[in-house]
Amino acid sequence: GGTLPNLGQKTLNLDPGSGENAEVTFQIAKVTRPLMSGGLICDNGFNISVDKDKAIVRDKLDKEVLRFIRKNGGLYIAKMRLKAPFVGRG
């Protein structure tokens, strides 16, 4: 129930399973499972559809960019692979 120190922010180059690059910015803290805000995802121009088994994030062209699978306990989990950093990015 407490707060964690914010250790800054980092933009990562991730592959959300589609083989394409996704530029995602995370706040850095000592966590093992970072959370993503559905509201912030939508504020950045994406749409989310959710059902009992999955949540799918689509871009403005209705292309699927990220898929979350619902696990026991109700959490929607996305697996992404870290790729080489973008040149000139922090």
PDB file of N, CA and C in Angstrom:
ATOM      1  N   GLY A   1       0.794  -1.197   0.000  1.00  0.00           N
ATOM      2  CA  GLY A   1       0.000   0.000   0.000  1.00  0.00           C
ATOM      3  C   GLY A   1       0.838   1.262   0.000  1.00  0.00           C
ATOM      4  N   GLY A   2       2.168   1.130   0.023  1.00  0.00           N
ATOM      5  CA  GLY A   2       3.017   2.314   0.054  1.00  0.00           C
ATOM      6  C   GLY A   2       3.376   2.795  -1.337  1.00  0.00           C
ATOM      7  N   THR A   3       4.278   3.752  -1.379  1.00  0.00           N
ATOM      8  CA  THR A   3       4.748   4.266  -2.659  1.00  0.00           C
ATOM      9  C   THR A   3       6.192   3.841  -2.886  1.00  0.00           C
ATOM     10  N   LEU A   4       6.572   3.740  -4.148  1.00  0.00           N
ATOM     11  CA  LEU A   4       7.931   3.394  -4.539  1.00  0.00           C
ATOM     12  C   LEU A   4       8.609   4.627  -5.111  1.00  0.00           C
ATOM     13  N   PRO A   5       9.905   4.782  -4.874  1.00  0.00           N
ATOM     14  CA  PRO A   5      10.608   5.916  -5.481  1.00  0.00           C
ATOM     15  C   PRO A   5      10.622   5.799  -7.003  1.00  0.00           C
ATOM     16  N   ASN A   6      10.380   6.927  -7.679  1.00  0.00           N
ATOM     17  CA  ASN A   6      10.460   6.986  -9.129  1.00  0.00           C
ATOM     18  C   ASN A   6      11.920   7.239  -9.476  1.00  0.00           C
ATOM     19  N   LEU A   7      12.521   6.321 -10.241  1.00  0.00           N
ATOM     20  CA  LEU A   7      13.933   6.411 -10.599  1.00  0.00           C
ATOM     21  C   LEU A   7      14.143   6.974 -12.002  1.00  0.00           C
ATOM     22  N   GLY A   8      13.111   7.619 -12.538  1.00  0.00           N
ATOM     23  CA  GLY A   8      13.229   8.227 -13.857  1.00  0.00           C
ATOM     24  C   GLY A   8      12.298   7.594 -14.867  1.00  0.00           C
ATOM     25  N   GLN A   9      12.631   7.780 -16.118  1.00  0.00           N
ATOM     26  CA  GLN A   9      11.793   7.313 -17.214  1.00  0.00           C
ATOM     27  C   GLN A   9      12.691   6.814 -18.336  1.00  0.00           C
ATOM     28  N   LYS A  10      12.231   5.782 -19.052  1.00  0.00           N
ATOM     29  CA  LYS A  10      13.028   5.203 -20.144  1.00  0.00           C
ATOM     30  C   LYS A  10      12.084   4.782 -21.269  1.00  0.00           C
ATOM     31  N   THR A  11      12.484   5.065 -22.503  1.00  0.00           N
ATOM     32  CA  THR A  11      11.748   4.602 -23.669  1.00  0.00           C
ATOM     33  C   THR A  11      12.438   3.356 -24.190  1.00  0.00           C
ATOM     34  N   LEU A  12      11.660   2.273 -24.313  1.00  0.00           N
ATOM     35  CA  LEU A  12      12.211   0.992 -24.745  1.00  0.00           C
ATOM     36  C   LEU A  12      11.679   0.619 -26.117  1.00  0.00           C
ATOM     37  N   ASN A  13      12.471  -0.125 -26.856  1.00  0.00           N
ATOM     38  CA  ASN A  13      12.095  -0.672 -28.145  1.00  0.00           C
ATOM     39  C   ASN A  13      11.660  -2.111 -27.894  1.00  0.00           C
ATOM     40  N   LEU A  14      10.360  -2.367 -28.001  1.00  0.00           N
ATOM     41  CA  LEU A  14       9.819  -3.688 -27.673  1.00  0.00           C
ATOM     42  C   LEU A  14       9.174  -4.332 -28.891  1.00  0.00           C
ATOM     43  N   ASP A  15       9.210  -5.653 -28.928  1.00  0.00           N
ATOM     44  CA  ASP A  15       8.468  -6.433 -29.914  1.00  0.00           C
ATOM     45  C   ASP A  15       7.301  -7.060 -29.164  1.00  0.00           C
ATOM     46  N   PRO A  16       6.070  -6.610 -29.446  1.00  0.00           N
ATOM     47  CA  PRO A  16       4.903  -7.133 -28.729  1.00  0.00           C
ATOM     48  C   PRO A  16       4.426  -8.490 -29.248  1.00  0.00           C
ATOM     49  N   GLY A  17       5.249  -9.167 -30.023  1.00  0.00           N
ATOM     50  CA  GLY A  17       4.875 -10.482 -30.526  1.00  0.00           C
ATOM     51  C   GLY A  17       4.531 -10.476 -31.999  1.00  0.00           C
ATOM     52  N   SER A  18       4.452  -9.289 -32.587  1.00  0.00           N
ATOM     53  CA  SER A  18       4.094  -9.178 -34.000  1.00  0.00           C
ATOM     54  C   SER A  18       5.320  -9.129 -34.896  1.00  0.00           C
ATOM     55  N   GLY A  19       6.524  -9.025 -34.286  1.00  0.00           N
ATOM     56  CA  GLY A  19       7.741  -8.891 -35.059  1.00  0.00           C
ATOM     57  C   GLY A  19       8.066  -7.452 -35.406  1.00  0.00           C
ATOM     58  N   GLU A  20       7.169  -6.536 -35.061  1.00  0.00           N
ATOM     59  CA  GLU A  20       7.391  -5.122 -35.336  1.00  0.00           C
ATOM     60  C   GLU A  20       7.864  -4.412 -34.069  1.00  0.00           C
ATOM     61  N   ASN A  21       8.370  -3.202 -34.231  1.00  0.00           N
ATOM     62  CA  ASN A  21       8.855  -2.425 -33.095  1.00  0.00           C
ATOM     63  C   ASN A  21       7.724  -1.623 -32.479  1.00  0.00           C
ATOM     64  N   ALA A  22       7.733  -1.544 -31.164  1.00  0.00           N
ATOM     65  CA  ALA A  22       6.807  -0.694 -30.427  1.00  0.00           C
ATOM     66  C   ALA A  22       7.626   0.147 -29.462  1.00  0.00           C
ATOM     67  N   GLU A  23       7.509   1.439 -29.569  1.00  0.00           N
ATOM     68  CA  GLU A  23       8.228   2.364 -28.703  1.00  0.00           C
ATOM     69  C   GLU A  23       7.333   2.628 -27.483  1.00  0.00           C
ATOM     70  N   VAL A  24       7.773   2.164 -26.301  1.00  0.00           N
ATOM     71  CA  VAL A  24       6.961   2.287 -25.086  1.00  0.00           C
ATOM     72  C   VAL A  24       7.791   2.966 -24.008  1.00  0.00           C
ATOM     73  N   THR A  25       7.208   3.970 -23.361  1.00  0.00           N
ATOM     74  CA  THR A  25       7.889   4.693 -22.302  1.00  0.00           C
ATOM     75  C   THR A  25       7.376   4.217 -20.945  1.00  0.00           C
ATOM     76  N   PHE A  26       8.307   3.836 -20.070  1.00  0.00           N
ATOM     77  CA  PHE A  26       7.971   3.358 -18.730  1.00  0.00           C
ATOM     78  C   PHE A  26       8.601   4.270 -17.681  1.00  0.00           C
ATOM     79  N   GLN A  27       7.915   4.401 -16.561  1.00  0.00           N
ATOM     80  CA  GLN A  27       8.513   5.005 -15.388  1.00  0.00           C
ATOM     81  C   GLN A  27       9.340   3.913 -14.722  1.00  0.00           C
ATOM     82  N   ILE A  28      10.523   4.260 -14.232  1.00  0.00           N
ATOM     83  CA  ILE A  28      11.420   3.265 -13.660  1.00  0.00           C
ATOM     84  C   ILE A  28      11.232   3.203 -12.144  1.00  0.00           C
ATOM     85  N   ALA A  29      11.007   1.994 -11.644  1.00  0.00           N
ATOM     86  CA  ALA A  29      10.876   1.742 -10.213  1.00  0.00           C
ATOM     87  C   ALA A  29      11.248   0.285  -9.981  1.00  0.00           C
ATOM     88  N   LYS A  30      11.495  -0.070  -8.745  1.00  0.00           N
ATOM     89  CA  LYS A  30      11.847  -1.453  -8.415  1.00  0.00           C
ATOM     90  C   LYS A  30      10.579  -2.312  -8.403  1.00  0.00           C
ATOM     91  N   VAL A  31      10.176  -2.780  -9.591  1.00  0.00           N
ATOM     92  CA  VAL A  31       9.009  -3.646  -9.743  1.00  0.00           C
ATOM     93  C   VAL A  31       9.391  -4.808 -10.651  1.00  0.00           C
ATOM     94  N   THR A  32       8.660  -5.897 -10.535  1.00  0.00           N
ATOM     95  CA  THR A  32       8.920  -7.040 -11.396  1.00  0.00           C
ATOM     96  C   THR A  32       7.896  -7.153 -12.519  1.00  0.00           C
ATOM     97  N   ARG A  33       6.770  -6.471 -12.372  1.00  0.00           N
ATOM     98  CA  ARG A  33       5.720  -6.529 -13.387  1.00  0.00           C
ATOM     99  C   ARG A  33       5.148  -5.127 -13.572  1.00  0.00           C
ATOM    100  N   PRO A  34       5.661  -4.354 -14.555  1.00  0.00           N
ATOM    101  CA  PRO A  34       5.151  -2.992 -14.732  1.00  0.00           C
ATOM    102  C   PRO A  34       3.689  -2.993 -15.185  1.00  0.00           C
ATOM    103  N   LEU A  35       2.960  -1.997 -14.747  1.00  0.00           N
ATOM    104  CA  LEU A  35       1.551  -1.863 -15.112  1.00  0.00           C
ATOM    105  C   LEU A  35       1.411  -0.876 -16.257  1.00  0.00           C
ATOM    106  N   MET A  36       0.416  -1.102 -17.104  1.00  0.00           N
ATOM    107  CA  MET A  36       0.115  -0.176 -18.188  1.00  0.00           C
ATOM    108  C   MET A  36      -1.285   0.382 -17.940  1.00  0.00           C
ATOM    109  N   SER A  37      -1.453   1.659 -18.156  1.00  0.00           N
ATOM    110  CA  SER A  37      -2.733   2.325 -17.953  1.00  0.00           C
ATOM    111  C   SER A  37      -3.566   2.271 -19.224  1.00  0.00           C
ATOM    112  N   GLY A  38      -4.742   1.662 -19.121  1.00  0.00           N
ATOM    113  CA  GLY A  38      -5.646   1.629 -20.269  1.00  0.00           C
ATOM    114  C   GLY A  38      -6.039   3.031 -20.705  1.00  0.00           C
ATOM    115  N   GLY A  39      -6.244   3.927 -19.744  1.00  0.00           N
ATOM    116  CA  GLY A  39      -6.600   5.299 -20.065  1.00  0.00           C
ATOM    117  C   GLY A  39      -5.503   6.005 -20.839  1.00  0.00           C
ATOM    118  N   LEU A  40      -4.243   5.826 -20.409  1.00  0.00           N
ATOM    119  CA  LEU A  40      -3.131   6.463 -21.127  1.00  0.00           C
ATOM    120  C   LEU A  40      -2.939   5.861 -22.514  1.00  0.00           C
ATOM    121  N   ILE A  41      -3.162   4.560 -22.638  1.00  0.00           N
ATOM    122  CA  ILE A  41      -3.074   3.928 -23.954  1.00  0.00           C
ATOM    123  C   ILE A  41      -4.087   4.586 -24.891  1.00  0.00           C
ATOM    124  N   CYS A  42      -5.319   4.761 -24.425  1.00  0.00           N
ATOM    125  CA  CYS A  42      -6.361   5.390 -25.243  1.00  0.00           C
ATOM    126  C   CYS A  42      -6.057   6.866 -25.501  1.00  0.00           C
ATOM    127  N   ASP A  43      -5.512   7.572 -24.496  1.00  0.00           N
ATOM    128  CA  ASP A  43      -5.152   8.985 -24.670  1.00  0.00           C
ATOM    129  C   ASP A  43      -4.108   9.170 -25.761  1.00  0.00           C
ATOM    130  N   ASN A  44      -3.330   8.134 -26.050  1.00  0.00           N
ATOM    131  CA  ASN A  44      -2.298   8.202 -27.079  1.00  0.00           C
ATOM    132  C   ASN A  44      -2.790   7.723 -28.441  1.00  0.00           C
ATOM    133  N   GLY A  45      -4.103   7.627 -28.608  1.00  0.00           N
ATOM    134  CA  GLY A  45      -4.677   7.360 -29.920  1.00  0.00           C
ATOM    135  C   GLY A  45      -4.956   5.903 -30.238  1.00  0.00           C
ATOM    136  N   PHE A  46      -4.862   5.023 -29.254  1.00  0.00           N
ATOM    137  CA  PHE A  46      -5.138   3.605 -29.482  1.00  0.00           C
ATOM    138  C   PHE A  46      -6.520   3.250 -28.950  1.00  0.00           C
ATOM    139  N   ASN A  47      -7.060   2.131 -29.400  1.00  0.00           N
ATOM    140  CA  ASN A  47      -8.331   1.607 -28.908  1.00  0.00           C
ATOM    141  C   ASN A  47      -8.091   0.264 -28.245  1.00  0.00           C
ATOM    142  N   ILE A  48      -8.849  -0.020 -27.198  1.00  0.00           N
ATOM    143  CA  ILE A  48      -8.721  -1.288 -26.478  1.00  0.00           C
ATOM    144  C   ILE A  48     -10.065  -1.994 -26.483  1.00  0.00           C
ATOM    145  N   SER A  49     -10.049  -3.269 -26.870  1.00  0.00           N
ATOM    146  CA  SER A  49     -11.248  -4.105 -26.726  1.00  0.00           C
ATOM    147  C   SER A  49     -10.909  -5.194 -25.718  1.00  0.00           C
ATOM    148  N   VAL A  50     -11.839  -5.411 -24.794  1.00  0.00           N
ATOM    149  CA  VAL A  50     -11.605  -6.343 -23.688  1.00  0.00           C
ATOM    150  C   VAL A  50     -12.743  -7.346 -23.631  1.00  0.00           C
ATOM    151  N   ASP A  51     -12.389  -8.626 -23.454  1.00  0.00           N
ATOM    152  CA  ASP A  51     -13.397  -9.640 -23.152  1.00  0.00           C
ATOM    153  C   ASP A  51     -12.871 -10.497 -22.009  1.00  0.00           C
ATOM    154  N   LYS A  52     -13.537 -11.596 -21.709  1.00  0.00           N
ATOM    155  CA  LYS A  52     -13.164 -12.390 -20.532  1.00  0.00           C
ATOM    156  C   LYS A  52     -11.829 -13.119 -20.672  1.00  0.00           C
ATOM    157  N   ASP A  53     -11.306 -13.252 -21.895  1.00  0.00           N
ATOM    158  CA  ASP A  53     -10.063 -13.987 -22.115  1.00  0.00           C
ATOM    159  C   ASP A  53      -8.873 -13.134 -22.537  1.00  0.00           C
ATOM    160  N   LYS A  54      -9.138 -11.956 -23.123  1.00  0.00           N
ATOM    161  CA  LYS A  54      -8.036 -11.166 -23.682  1.00  0.00           C
ATOM    162  C   LYS A  54      -8.413  -9.697 -23.770  1.00  0.00           C
ATOM    163  N   ALA A  55      -7.386  -8.863 -23.953  1.00  0.00           N
ATOM    164  CA  ALA A  55      -7.551  -7.446 -24.268  1.00  0.00           C
ATOM    165  C   ALA A  55      -6.643  -7.158 -25.447  1.00  0.00           C
ATOM    166  N   ILE A  56      -7.178  -6.477 -26.441  1.00  0.00           N
ATOM    167  CA  ILE A  56      -6.419  -6.196 -27.660  1.00  0.00           C
ATOM    168  C   ILE A  56      -6.329  -4.686 -27.856  1.00  0.00           C
ATOM    169  N   VAL A  57      -5.105  -4.212 -28.087  1.00  0.00           N
ATOM    170  CA  VAL A  57      -4.855  -2.798 -28.363  1.00  0.00           C
ATOM    171  C   VAL A  57      -4.675  -2.656 -29.866  1.00  0.00           C
ATOM    172  N   ARG A  58      -5.445  -1.716 -30.464  1.00  0.00           N
ATOM    173  CA  ARG A  58      -5.356  -1.475 -31.908  1.00  0.00           C
ATOM    174  C   ARG A  58      -5.019  -0.009 -32.169  1.00  0.00           C
ATOM    175  N   ASP A  59      -4.296   0.208 -33.282  1.00  0.00           N
ATOM    176  CA  ASP A  59      -3.946   1.576 -33.664  1.00  0.00           C
ATOM    177  C   ASP A  59      -5.105   2.217 -34.424  1.00  0.00           C
ATOM    178  N   LYS A  60      -4.878   3.437 -34.926  1.00  0.00           N
ATOM    179  CA  LYS A  60      -5.927   4.189 -35.627  1.00  0.00           C
ATOM    180  C   LYS A  60      -6.384   3.510 -36.914  1.00  0.00           C
ATOM    181  N   LEU A  61      -5.527   2.648 -37.480  1.00  0.00           N
ATOM    182  CA  LEU A  61      -5.871   1.921 -38.700  1.00  0.00           C
ATOM    183  C   LEU A  61      -6.502   0.564 -38.393  1.00  0.00           C
ATOM    184  N   ASP A  62      -6.827   0.331 -37.118  1.00  0.00           N
ATOM    185  CA  ASP A  62      -7.442  -0.904 -36.613  1.00  0.00           C
ATOM    186  C   ASP A  62      -6.498  -2.103 -36.686  1.00  0.00           C
ATOM    187  N   LYS A  63      -5.188  -1.846 -36.743  1.00  0.00           N
ATOM    188  CA  LYS A  63      -4.188  -2.913 -36.737  1.00  0.00           C
ATOM    189  C   LYS A  63      -3.877  -3.285 -35.292  1.00  0.00           C
ATOM    190  N   GLU A  64      -3.864  -4.579 -34.995  1.00  0.00           N
ATOM    191  CA  GLU A  64      -3.525  -5.047 -33.647  1.00  0.00           C
ATOM    192  C   GLU A  64      -2.055  -4.763 -33.360  1.00  0.00           C
ATOM    193  N   VAL A  65      -1.788  -4.065 -32.256  1.00  0.00           N
ATOM    194  CA  VAL A  65      -0.406  -3.755 -31.890  1.00  0.00           C
ATOM    195  C   VAL A  65       0.027  -4.446 -30.606  1.00  0.00           C
ATOM    196  N   LEU A  66      -0.917  -4.901 -29.792  1.00  0.00           N
ATOM    197  CA  LEU A  66      -0.566  -5.573 -28.542  1.00  0.00           C
ATOM    198  C   LEU A  66      -1.739  -6.408 -28.067  1.00  0.00           C
ATOM    199  N   ARG A  67      -1.422  -7.595 -27.536  1.00  0.00           N
ATOM    200  CA  ARG A  67      -2.462  -8.503 -27.026  1.00  0.00           C
ATOM    201  C   ARG A  67      -2.118  -8.894 -25.595  1.00  0.00           C
ATOM    202  N   PHE A  68      -3.096  -8.754 -24.721  1.00  0.00           N
ATOM    203  CA  PHE A  68      -2.988  -9.187 -23.327  1.00  0.00           C
ATOM    204  C   PHE A  68      -3.851 -10.433 -23.155  1.00  0.00           C
ATOM    205  N   ILE A  69      -3.322 -11.454 -22.502  1.00  0.00           N
ATOM    206  CA  ILE A  69      -4.070 -12.673 -22.215  1.00  0.00           C
ATOM    207  C   ILE A  69      -4.451 -12.650 -20.735  1.00  0.00           C
ATOM    208  N   ARG A  70      -5.702 -12.953 -20.432  1.00  0.00           N
ATOM    209  CA  ARG A  70      -6.153 -12.953 -19.043  1.00  0.00           C
ATOM    210  C   ARG A  70      -5.730 -14.247 -18.353  1.00  0.00           C
ATOM    211  N   LYS A  71      -5.049 -14.098 -17.245  1.00  0.00           N
ATOM    212  CA  LYS A  71      -4.559 -15.230 -16.462  1.00  0.00           C
ATOM    213  C   LYS A  71      -5.470 -15.474 -15.260  1.00  0.00           C
ATOM    214  N   ASN A  72      -5.285 -16.614 -14.600  1.00  0.00           N
ATOM    215  CA  ASN A  72      -6.029 -16.882 -13.377  1.00  0.00           C
ATOM    216  C   ASN A  72      -5.802 -15.746 -12.398  1.00  0.00           C
ATOM    217  N   GLY A  73      -6.842 -15.310 -11.741  1.00  0.00           N
ATOM    218  CA  GLY A  73      -6.728 -14.183 -10.836  1.00  0.00           C
ATOM    219  C   GLY A  73      -7.170 -12.882 -11.484  1.00  0.00           C
ATOM    220  N   GLY A  74      -7.388 -12.885 -12.806  1.00  0.00           N
ATOM    221  CA  GLY A  74      -7.959 -11.735 -13.474  1.00  0.00           C
ATOM    222  C   GLY A  74      -7.004 -10.756 -14.117  1.00  0.00           C
ATOM    223  N   LEU A  75      -5.689 -10.934 -13.958  1.00  0.00           N
ATOM    224  CA  LEU A  75      -4.745  -9.997 -14.577  1.00  0.00           C
ATOM    225  C   LEU A  75      -4.604 -10.271 -16.063  1.00  0.00           C
ATOM    226  N   TYR A  76      -4.554  -9.207 -16.842  1.00  0.00           N
ATOM    227  CA  TYR A  76      -4.285  -9.310 -18.272  1.00  0.00           C
ATOM    228  C   TYR A  76      -2.790  -9.087 -18.466  1.00  0.00           C
ATOM    229  N   ILE A  77      -2.095 -10.087 -19.000  1.00  0.00           N
ATOM    230  CA  ILE A  77      -0.645 -10.085 -19.102  1.00  0.00           C
ATOM    231  C   ILE A  77      -0.226 -10.030 -20.576  1.00  0.00           C
ATOM    232  N   ALA A  78       0.714  -9.134 -20.903  1.00  0.00           N
ATOM    233  CA  ALA A  78       1.294  -9.077 -22.248  1.00  0.00           C
ATOM    234  C   ALA A  78       2.756  -9.468 -22.151  1.00  0.00           C
ATOM    235  N   LYS A  79       3.202 -10.292 -23.076  1.00  0.00           N
ATOM    236  CA  LYS A  79       4.614 -10.657 -23.141  1.00  0.00           C
ATOM    237  C   LYS A  79       5.238  -9.906 -24.301  1.00  0.00           C
ATOM    238  N   MET A  80       6.346  -9.209 -24.002  1.00  0.00           N
ATOM    239  CA  MET A  80       7.045  -8.438 -25.020  1.00  0.00           C
ATOM    240  C   MET A  80       8.530  -8.744 -24.937  1.00  0.00           C
ATOM    241  N   ARG A  81       9.192  -8.677 -26.064  1.00  0.00           N
ATOM    242  CA  ARG A  81      10.629  -8.926 -26.125  1.00  0.00           C
ATOM    243  C   ARG A  81      11.364  -7.593 -26.275  1.00  0.00           C
ATOM    244  N   LEU A  82      12.385  -7.396 -25.438  1.00  0.00           N
ATOM    245  CA  LEU A  82      13.203  -6.195 -25.513  1.00  0.00           C
ATOM    246  C   LEU A  82      14.139  -6.306 -26.716  1.00  0.00           C
ATOM    247  N   LYS A  83      14.159  -5.264 -27.547  1.00  0.00           N
ATOM    248  CA  LYS A  83      15.009  -5.242 -28.739  1.00  0.00           C
ATOM    249  C   LYS A  83      16.109  -4.201 -28.543  1.00  0.00           C
ATOM    250  N   ALA A  84      17.013  -4.117 -29.497  1.00  0.00           N
ATOM    251  CA  ALA A  84      18.104  -3.133 -29.433  1.00  0.00           C
ATOM    252  C   ALA A  84      17.512  -1.734 -29.304  1.00  0.00           C
ATOM    253  N   PRO A  85      18.174  -0.861 -28.534  1.00  0.00           N
ATOM    254  CA  PRO A  85      17.622   0.486 -28.337  1.00  0.00           C
ATOM    255  C   PRO A  85      17.586   1.290 -29.629  1.00  0.00           C
ATOM    256  N   PHE A  86      16.679   2.261 -29.635  1.00  0.00           N
ATOM    257  CA  PHE A  86      16.628   3.198 -30.746  1.00  0.00           C
ATOM    258  C   PHE A  86      17.867   4.078 -30.680  1.00  0.00           C
ATOM    259  N   VAL A  87      18.450   4.384 -31.800  1.00  0.00           N
ATOM    260  CA  VAL A  87      19.644   5.245 -31.832  1.00  0.00           C
ATOM    261  C   VAL A  87      19.226   6.660 -31.437  1.00  0.00           C
ATOM    262  N   GLY A  88      19.975   7.235 -30.498  1.00  0.00           N
ATOM    263  CA  GLY A  88      19.719   8.610 -30.079  1.00  0.00           C
ATOM    264  C   GLY A  88      18.574   8.764 -29.106  1.00  0.00           C
ATOM    265  N   ARG A  89      18.044   7.680 -28.585  1.00  0.00           N
ATOM    266  CA  ARG A  89      16.929   7.749 -27.641  1.00  0.00           C
ATOM    267  C   ARG A  89      17.426   7.376 -26.257  1.00  0.00           C
ATOM    268  N   GLY A  90      16.697   7.884 -25.210  1.00  0.00           N
ATOM    269  CA  GLY A  90      17.088   7.601 -23.833  1.00  0.00           C
ATOM    270  C   GLY A  90      16.390   6.535 -23.235  1.00  0.00           C
TER     271      GLY A  90
END
